[in-house]
N, C-alpha and C. Protein backbone atom coordinates (compact mmCIF):
# COMPACT_ATOMS: atom_id res chain seq x y z
N UNK A 1 23.45 51.36 19.99
CA UNK A 1 22.09 51.32 18.96
C UNK A 1 22.84 50.16 17.77
N UNK A 2 22.26 49.08 17.61
CA UNK A 2 23.25 48.34 16.67
C UNK A 2 22.71 48.77 15.20
N UNK A 3 23.55 48.70 14.73
CA UNK A 3 23.76 49.19 12.96
C UNK A 3 23.08 48.16 12.01
N UNK A 4 22.03 48.27 11.58
CA UNK A 4 21.90 47.30 10.53
C UNK A 4 22.91 46.92 9.34
N UNK A 5 23.26 45.74 9.20
CA UNK A 5 24.25 45.35 8.07
C UNK A 5 23.72 43.97 7.31
N UNK A 6 23.95 43.62 6.41
CA UNK A 6 24.10 42.56 5.62
C UNK A 6 24.80 41.16 6.03
N UNK A 7 23.71 40.08 6.29
CA UNK A 7 23.88 38.71 7.01
C UNK A 7 24.91 38.08 5.81
N UNK A 8 26.15 37.61 6.35
CA UNK A 8 26.83 36.80 5.23
C UNK A 8 26.77 35.22 6.23
N UNK A 9 27.41 34.17 4.97
CA UNK A 9 26.87 33.05 5.15
C UNK A 9 27.56 32.60 6.39
N UNK A 10 28.57 33.16 7.11
CA UNK A 10 29.08 32.85 8.42
C UNK A 10 27.83 33.34 9.64
N UNK A 11 27.35 34.61 9.35
CA UNK A 11 26.08 34.24 10.25
C UNK A 11 25.23 33.37 10.48
N UNK A 12 24.93 33.09 8.94
CA UNK A 12 23.96 31.97 8.96
C UNK A 12 24.33 30.86 9.76
N UNK A 13 25.48 30.26 9.92
CA UNK A 13 26.13 29.04 10.04
C UNK A 13 26.09 29.33 11.94
N UNK A 14 26.52 30.62 11.97
CA UNK A 14 26.62 30.82 13.47
C UNK A 14 25.05 30.57 14.24
N UNK A 15 24.38 31.00 13.36
CA UNK A 15 22.92 30.71 14.09
C UNK A 15 22.35 29.62 13.98
N UNK A 16 22.83 28.38 12.99
CA UNK A 16 22.35 27.29 13.00
C UNK A 16 23.07 26.72 14.11
N UNK A 17 24.32 26.93 14.20
CA UNK A 17 24.96 26.23 15.26
C UNK A 17 24.58 26.54 16.61
N UNK A 18 24.03 28.01 17.10
CA UNK A 18 23.96 28.33 18.35
C UNK A 18 22.12 27.52 18.60
N UNK A 19 21.33 26.98 17.46
CA UNK A 19 20.13 26.65 17.46
C UNK A 19 20.21 25.22 17.08
N UNK A 20 21.15 24.61 17.23
CA UNK A 20 20.97 22.98 16.83
C UNK A 20 20.46 22.24 17.22
N UNK A 21 20.51 22.06 18.78
CA UNK A 21 19.97 21.50 19.78
C UNK A 21 18.37 21.34 19.39
N UNK A 22 17.72 22.71 19.15
CA UNK A 22 16.42 23.06 19.00
C UNK A 22 15.97 22.24 17.45
N UNK A 23 16.76 21.76 17.03
CA UNK A 23 16.43 21.60 15.91
C UNK A 23 16.77 19.97 15.49
N UNK A 24 18.11 19.49 15.84
CA UNK A 24 18.30 18.24 15.82
C UNK A 24 17.51 17.19 17.06
N UNK A 25 17.33 17.63 18.07
CA UNK A 25 16.89 16.69 19.32
C UNK A 25 15.49 16.53 18.96
N UNK A 26 14.26 17.74 18.49
CA UNK A 26 13.16 16.93 18.04
C UNK A 26 12.77 16.20 16.87
N UNK A 27 13.76 16.62 16.09
CA UNK A 27 13.74 15.82 14.84
C UNK A 27 14.11 14.52 14.88
N UNK A 28 15.49 13.77 16.03
CA UNK A 28 15.55 12.45 16.12
C UNK A 28 14.95 11.98 17.13
N UNK A 29 14.22 12.88 17.70
CA UNK A 29 13.09 12.10 18.79
C UNK A 29 11.59 11.70 18.03
N UNK A 30 11.58 12.74 17.06
CA UNK A 30 10.31 12.49 16.52
C UNK A 30 10.22 10.92 15.38
N UNK A 31 11.52 10.82 14.84
CA UNK A 31 11.98 9.68 14.26
C UNK A 31 12.03 8.59 14.77
N UNK A 32 12.62 8.74 16.00
CA UNK A 32 12.39 7.41 17.01
C UNK A 32 10.95 7.07 17.49
N UNK A 33 10.57 8.15 18.24
CA UNK A 33 8.99 7.64 18.46
C UNK A 33 8.40 7.12 17.03
N UNK A 34 8.51 7.81 16.40
CA UNK A 34 7.64 7.15 14.96
C UNK A 34 8.17 5.38 14.85
N UNK A 35 8.94 5.25 14.64
CA UNK A 35 9.96 3.80 14.41
C UNK A 35 9.53 2.74 15.92
N UNK A 36 9.54 3.36 16.94
CA UNK A 36 8.84 2.60 18.03
C UNK A 36 7.42 2.48 17.87
N UNK A 37 6.80 3.50 17.22
CA UNK A 37 5.15 3.21 17.29
C UNK A 37 5.06 2.26 16.31
N UNK A 38 5.68 2.20 15.35
CA UNK A 38 5.64 1.01 13.97
C UNK A 38 5.54 -0.22 14.55
N UNK A 39 6.37 -0.51 15.32
CA UNK A 39 6.55 -1.77 15.92
C UNK A 39 5.23 -2.02 16.82
N UNK A 40 4.84 -1.16 17.43
CA UNK A 40 3.61 -1.31 18.64
C UNK A 40 2.19 -1.72 17.91
N UNK A 41 2.08 -1.48 16.81
CA UNK A 41 0.63 -1.98 16.11
C UNK A 41 1.29 -3.33 14.86
N UNK A 42 0.42 -4.17 15.14
CA UNK A 42 0.88 -5.26 14.25
C UNK A 42 0.06 -5.01 13.03
N UNK A 43 0.93 -5.63 11.89
CA UNK A 43 1.32 -5.26 10.17
C UNK A 43 0.00 -6.23 9.83
N UNK A 44 -1.12 -5.55 9.76
CA UNK A 44 -2.19 -5.59 8.68
C UNK A 44 -2.15 -5.15 7.10
N UNK A 45 -2.65 -6.15 6.35
CA UNK A 45 -2.68 -4.96 4.79
C UNK A 45 -4.27 -6.00 4.35
N UNK A 46 -5.25 -4.73 4.11
CA UNK A 46 -6.55 -5.34 3.86
C UNK A 46 -6.48 -4.85 2.57
N UNK A 47 -6.88 -5.32 1.54
CA UNK A 47 -7.20 -5.02 0.38
C UNK A 47 -8.56 -5.41 -0.19
N UNK A 48 -9.60 -4.71 -1.00
CA UNK A 48 -10.72 -4.72 -1.31
C UNK A 48 -10.91 -4.28 -3.08
N UNK A 49 -11.54 -4.99 -3.39
CA UNK A 49 -12.01 -4.54 -4.95
C UNK A 49 -13.71 -4.54 -5.29
N UNK A 50 -13.68 -3.69 -6.05
CA UNK A 50 -15.24 -4.01 -6.36
C UNK A 50 -15.20 -3.98 -8.26
N UNK A 51 -15.96 -5.12 -8.50
CA UNK A 51 -16.16 -5.36 -9.85
C UNK A 51 -17.49 -4.84 -10.22
N UNK A 52 -17.78 -3.89 -11.09
CA UNK A 52 -19.02 -3.59 -11.76
C UNK A 52 -19.05 -4.39 -12.85
N UNK A 53 -20.37 -5.05 -13.10
CA UNK A 53 -20.83 -5.95 -13.93
C UNK A 53 -22.16 -5.67 -14.64
N UNK A 54 -22.34 -5.20 -15.57
CA UNK A 54 -23.47 -4.63 -16.31
C UNK A 54 -23.77 -5.31 -17.62
N UNK A 55 -25.10 -5.87 -17.72
CA UNK A 55 -25.61 -6.17 -18.76
C UNK A 55 -25.54 -5.57 -20.02
N UNK A 56 -25.77 -6.53 -20.99
CA UNK A 56 -26.02 -5.39 -22.52
C UNK A 56 -27.14 -4.77 -22.67
N UNK A 57 -26.49 -3.31 -22.83
CA UNK A 57 -27.76 -2.60 -23.07
C UNK A 57 -28.18 -2.17 -24.49
N UNK A 58 -27.38 -2.61 -25.63
CA UNK A 58 -27.89 -2.65 -26.48
C UNK A 58 -28.92 -3.67 -27.03
N UNK A 59 -29.93 -3.49 -27.67
CA UNK A 59 -30.53 -5.10 -27.83
C UNK A 59 -29.72 -5.58 -28.91
N UNK A 60 -30.43 -7.04 -28.89
CA UNK A 60 -29.62 -8.43 -29.43
C UNK A 60 -29.87 -8.32 -30.78
N UNK A 61 -30.80 -7.70 -31.24
CA UNK A 61 -31.24 -7.60 -32.68
C UNK A 61 -30.45 -6.78 -33.38
N UNK A 62 -29.72 -5.69 -32.70
CA UNK A 62 -28.82 -4.85 -33.50
C UNK A 62 -27.16 -5.07 -33.41
N UNK A 63 -27.15 -5.91 -32.35
CA UNK A 63 -25.61 -6.29 -31.86
C UNK A 63 -25.72 -7.36 -31.17
N UNK A 64 -25.03 -8.41 -31.90
CA UNK A 64 -24.85 -10.06 -31.17
C UNK A 64 -23.87 -9.74 -30.08
N UNK A 65 -24.12 -10.53 -29.08
CA UNK A 65 -23.54 -10.77 -27.51
C UNK A 65 -22.32 -11.28 -27.87
N UNK A 66 -21.11 -10.77 -27.33
CA UNK A 66 -19.73 -11.30 -27.09
C UNK A 66 -19.85 -12.76 -26.00
N UNK A 67 -20.41 -12.48 -25.24
CA UNK A 67 -20.07 -13.51 -24.34
C UNK A 67 -21.48 -13.69 -24.03
N UNK A 68 -21.27 -15.53 -24.16
CA UNK A 68 -22.79 -16.03 -24.20
C UNK A 68 -23.21 -16.70 -22.89
N UNK A 69 -22.02 -16.55 -22.25
CA UNK A 69 -22.16 -17.36 -20.53
C UNK A 69 -23.14 -16.43 -19.93
N UNK A 70 -23.71 -17.40 -18.63
CA UNK A 70 -24.39 -16.43 -17.69
C UNK A 70 -23.74 -15.48 -16.83
N UNK A 71 -24.14 -14.42 -16.34
CA UNK A 71 -23.49 -13.50 -15.76
C UNK A 71 -23.02 -14.23 -14.19
N UNK A 72 -23.47 -15.00 -13.70
CA UNK A 72 -22.82 -15.72 -12.32
C UNK A 72 -21.99 -16.92 -12.40
N UNK A 73 -22.06 -17.42 -13.66
CA UNK A 73 -21.19 -18.16 -14.13
C UNK A 73 -19.46 -17.36 -14.62
N UNK A 74 -19.98 -16.21 -15.07
CA UNK A 74 -18.32 -15.67 -15.55
C UNK A 74 -18.02 -15.04 -13.89
N UNK A 75 -19.03 -14.74 -12.91
CA UNK A 75 -18.33 -14.35 -11.96
C UNK A 75 -17.47 -15.10 -10.94
N UNK A 76 -18.41 -16.13 -11.10
CA UNK A 76 -17.49 -17.65 -10.17
C UNK A 76 -15.76 -17.87 -10.86
N UNK A 77 -16.05 -17.87 -12.32
CA UNK A 77 -14.75 -17.96 -12.91
C UNK A 77 -13.96 -17.17 -12.87
N UNK A 78 -14.09 -15.62 -12.31
CA UNK A 78 -12.95 -14.73 -12.39
C UNK A 78 -13.00 -14.75 -10.88
N UNK A 79 -13.58 -15.34 -10.12
CA UNK A 79 -13.09 -15.33 -8.76
C UNK A 79 -12.28 -16.44 -8.40
N UNK A 80 -12.76 -17.55 -9.28
CA UNK A 80 -11.28 -19.14 -9.13
C UNK A 80 -9.99 -18.37 -9.63
N UNK A 81 -10.16 -17.86 -10.81
CA UNK A 81 -8.93 -17.13 -11.62
C UNK A 81 -8.13 -16.28 -10.45
N UNK A 82 -8.93 -15.34 -9.55
CA UNK A 82 -8.06 -14.62 -8.72
C UNK A 82 -7.50 -15.32 -7.36
N UNK A 83 -8.40 -16.03 -6.91
CA UNK A 83 -7.61 -16.59 -5.96
C UNK A 83 -7.09 -18.12 -6.18
N UNK A 84 -6.52 -18.25 -7.25
CA UNK A 84 -5.75 -19.32 -7.54
C UNK A 84 -4.60 -19.34 -6.75
N UNK A 85 -3.94 -20.72 -6.84
CA UNK A 85 -2.57 -20.61 -6.26
C UNK A 85 -1.67 -20.15 -7.16
N UNK A 86 -2.24 -20.08 -8.04
CA UNK A 86 -0.40 -19.59 -9.06
C UNK A 86 -0.68 -17.84 -9.07
N UNK A 87 -1.82 -17.53 -8.73
CA UNK A 87 -1.93 -16.08 -8.64
C UNK A 87 -1.23 -15.73 -7.22
N UNK A 88 -2.08 -16.19 -6.12
CA UNK A 88 -1.76 -15.66 -4.82
C UNK A 88 -0.14 -16.21 -4.56
N UNK A 89 0.47 -17.16 -5.02
CA UNK A 89 1.63 -17.32 -4.18
C UNK A 89 2.89 -16.58 -4.49
N UNK A 90 3.02 -16.03 -6.06
CA UNK A 90 4.02 -14.72 -6.12
C UNK A 90 3.80 -13.64 -5.44
N UNK A 91 2.70 -12.96 -4.74
CA UNK A 91 2.14 -12.15 -4.45
C UNK A 91 2.50 -12.36 -2.71
N UNK A 92 2.42 -13.66 -2.32
CA UNK A 92 2.61 -13.78 -0.89
C UNK A 92 4.46 -13.90 -0.85
N UNK A 93 5.10 -14.18 -1.96
CA UNK A 93 6.73 -14.65 -1.81
C UNK A 93 6.74 -13.01 -1.65
N UNK A 94 6.52 -12.45 -2.56
CA UNK A 94 6.74 -10.91 -2.55
C UNK A 94 6.61 -10.04 -1.37
N UNK A 95 5.45 -10.36 -0.74
CA UNK A 95 5.49 -9.76 0.49
C UNK A 95 6.08 -10.10 1.89
N UNK A 96 5.71 -11.51 1.67
CA UNK A 96 6.19 -12.33 2.89
C UNK A 96 8.01 -13.05 2.72
N UNK A 97 7.99 -12.97 1.64
CA UNK A 97 9.30 -13.88 1.31
C UNK A 97 9.10 -14.93 1.48
N UNK A 98 10.48 -15.84 1.93
CA UNK A 98 10.03 -17.32 1.93
C UNK A 98 9.80 -17.62 3.61
N UNK A 99 8.86 -17.27 4.05
CA UNK A 99 8.72 -17.71 5.29
C UNK A 99 8.46 -18.92 5.59
N UNK A 100 8.41 -19.26 7.22
CA UNK A 100 8.13 -20.34 8.00
C UNK A 100 7.05 -20.67 7.64
N UNK A 101 5.68 -20.16 7.80
CA UNK A 101 4.72 -20.60 7.35
C UNK A 101 4.39 -21.47 5.97
N UNK A 102 3.88 -22.47 6.41
CA UNK A 102 3.69 -22.82 4.67
C UNK A 102 2.59 -21.97 3.79
N UNK A 103 3.16 -21.98 2.54
CA UNK A 103 2.66 -21.33 1.24
C UNK A 103 0.87 -21.71 1.14
N UNK A 104 0.64 -22.77 1.01
CA UNK A 104 -0.83 -23.32 1.23
C UNK A 104 -1.42 -22.87 2.08
N UNK A 105 -0.93 -22.82 3.95
CA UNK A 105 -1.56 -22.53 4.98
C UNK A 105 -2.11 -20.96 4.48
N UNK A 106 -1.17 -20.09 3.87
CA UNK A 106 -1.20 -18.42 3.53
C UNK A 106 -2.36 -18.56 2.57
N UNK A 107 -2.21 -19.10 1.32
CA UNK A 107 -3.03 -19.19 0.88
C UNK A 107 -4.53 -19.53 1.03
N UNK A 108 -5.04 -20.60 1.74
CA UNK A 108 -6.23 -20.53 2.58
C UNK A 108 -6.53 -19.70 3.38
N UNK A 109 -5.70 -18.92 4.36
CA UNK A 109 -6.01 -17.84 4.87
C UNK A 109 -6.86 -16.61 4.35
N UNK A 110 -5.95 -16.43 2.90
CA UNK A 110 -6.74 -15.34 1.98
C UNK A 110 -8.16 -15.70 1.36
N UNK A 111 -8.05 -17.04 1.18
CA UNK A 111 -9.51 -17.32 0.28
C UNK A 111 -10.53 -17.36 1.64
N UNK A 112 -10.63 -17.44 2.69
CA UNK A 112 -11.80 -17.41 3.68
C UNK A 112 -11.28 -16.48 4.57
């Protein structure tokens, strides 16, 4: 019968050496499979935002409104600012770098 004894670091290293292929092969194959799968699917980036716009709830007699423009005009202005070339170009350069496709074409693709 085998006597119980306390395991040392050498015992643990021997166990690791005996089972190295059971640990390393699945880890390397899993990483390789993930890398190959990432090239099989096209890169698509989709972003959405929801802007909640509420009207003034306090009566105008108590508090004077800060913004006097109508709501649709404010939303149109916000859309123009977000979709302007000066806002989209730095983001495109950060994501795609200096790609061969024209920046103007990329901005137009985002707008529509």
